[in-house]
Amino acid sequence: MPRVLDRNGLRDLGVCLSNTHMLRLESRGRFPKRVYLSPQKVVWLESEVSEWLEDRIQKRSKNPNKDEENV
């Protein structure tokens, strides 16, 4: 069974983006898509968020002076 994260879980991992910004990134394919458990409850797959964070870390290490694509 995949592990999921709610907004608090995202914050615990260090993802402190506003909901609006996350929706913008999701629509551009630049942040994992949310999973709707109900009309008012959304979660994200922990594995996808971890991959996204790792990718951000690797990009930073390769290009420490570059603004990350105006995220």
Protein backbone atom coordinates (compact mmCIF):
# COMPACT_ATOMS: atom_id res chain seq x y z
CA MET A 1 0.00 0.00 0.00
CA PRO A 2 1.50 3.37 -0.97
CA ARG A 3 2.08 5.90 1.78
CA VAL A 4 0.33 9.23 1.40
CA LEU A 5 0.93 12.71 2.77
CA ASP A 6 -1.60 15.37 3.62
CA ARG A 7 -0.69 19.08 3.86
CA ASN A 8 0.86 18.54 7.30
CA GLY A 9 2.90 15.64 5.95
CA LEU A 10 4.18 17.86 3.14
CA ARG A 11 5.23 20.48 5.69
CA ASP A 12 6.98 17.80 7.76
CA LEU A 13 9.07 16.99 4.67
CA GLY A 14 9.87 20.66 4.18
CA VAL A 15 7.46 21.39 1.33
CA CYS A 16 5.99 24.72 2.45
CA LEU A 17 4.36 25.92 -0.76
CA SER A 18 1.01 27.66 -0.87
CA ASN A 19 -1.92 25.69 -2.23
CA THR A 20 -2.18 28.10 -5.16
CA HIS A 21 1.47 27.63 -6.08
CA MET A 22 1.24 23.85 -5.79
CA LEU A 23 -1.80 23.84 -8.08
CA ARG A 24 0.12 25.97 -10.58
CA LEU A 25 3.11 23.61 -10.47
CA GLU A 26 0.86 20.53 -10.71
CA SER A 27 -0.90 21.91 -13.79
CA ARG A 28 2.51 22.41 -15.44
CA GLY A 29 3.65 18.90 -14.50
CA ARG A 30 6.29 20.28 -12.13
CA PHE A 31 4.90 18.91 -8.86
CA PRO A 32 3.25 15.55 -8.11
CA LYS A 33 -0.49 15.51 -8.71
CA ARG A 34 -2.77 15.34 -5.70
CA VAL A 35 -5.10 12.42 -5.04
CA TYR A 36 -8.64 13.31 -4.00
CA LEU A 37 -9.89 11.08 -1.20
CA SER A 38 -13.06 13.13 -0.90
CA PRO A 39 -14.18 16.57 -2.12
CA GLN A 40 -12.39 18.22 0.82
CA LYS A 41 -9.47 15.87 1.45
CA VAL A 42 -6.41 15.60 -0.76
CA VAL A 43 -3.15 13.72 -0.34
CA TRP A 44 0.05 13.17 -2.31
CA LEU A 45 2.00 9.97 -2.78
CA GLU A 46 5.03 10.12 -0.51
CA SER A 47 7.22 8.40 -3.10
CA GLU A 48 6.41 11.02 -5.76
CA VAL A 49 7.01 13.93 -3.39
CA SER A 50 10.30 12.39 -2.27
CA GLU A 51 11.36 12.01 -5.91
CA TRP A 52 10.41 15.64 -6.57
CA LEU A 53 12.49 16.81 -3.60
CA GLU A 54 15.46 14.68 -4.64
CA ASP A 55 15.25 16.10 -8.16
CA ARG A 56 15.26 19.64 -6.78
CA ILE A 57 18.32 18.84 -4.64
CA GLN A 58 20.17 17.32 -7.60
CA LYS A 59 19.38 20.32 -9.81
CA ARG A 60 20.63 22.66 -7.12
CA SER A 61 23.87 20.71 -6.81
CA LYS A 62 24.46 20.78 -10.57
CA ASN A 63 23.66 24.47 -10.98
CA PRO A 64 23.93 26.24 -7.59
CA ASN A 65 23.70 29.76 -9.06
CA LYS A 66 20.75 29.21 -11.40
CA ASP A 67 17.28 30.33 -10.37
CA GLU A 68 15.28 27.10 -10.69
CA GLU A 69 13.31 27.83 -13.85
CA ASN A 70 11.34 30.62 -12.17
CA VAL A 71 9.36 28.18 -10.06
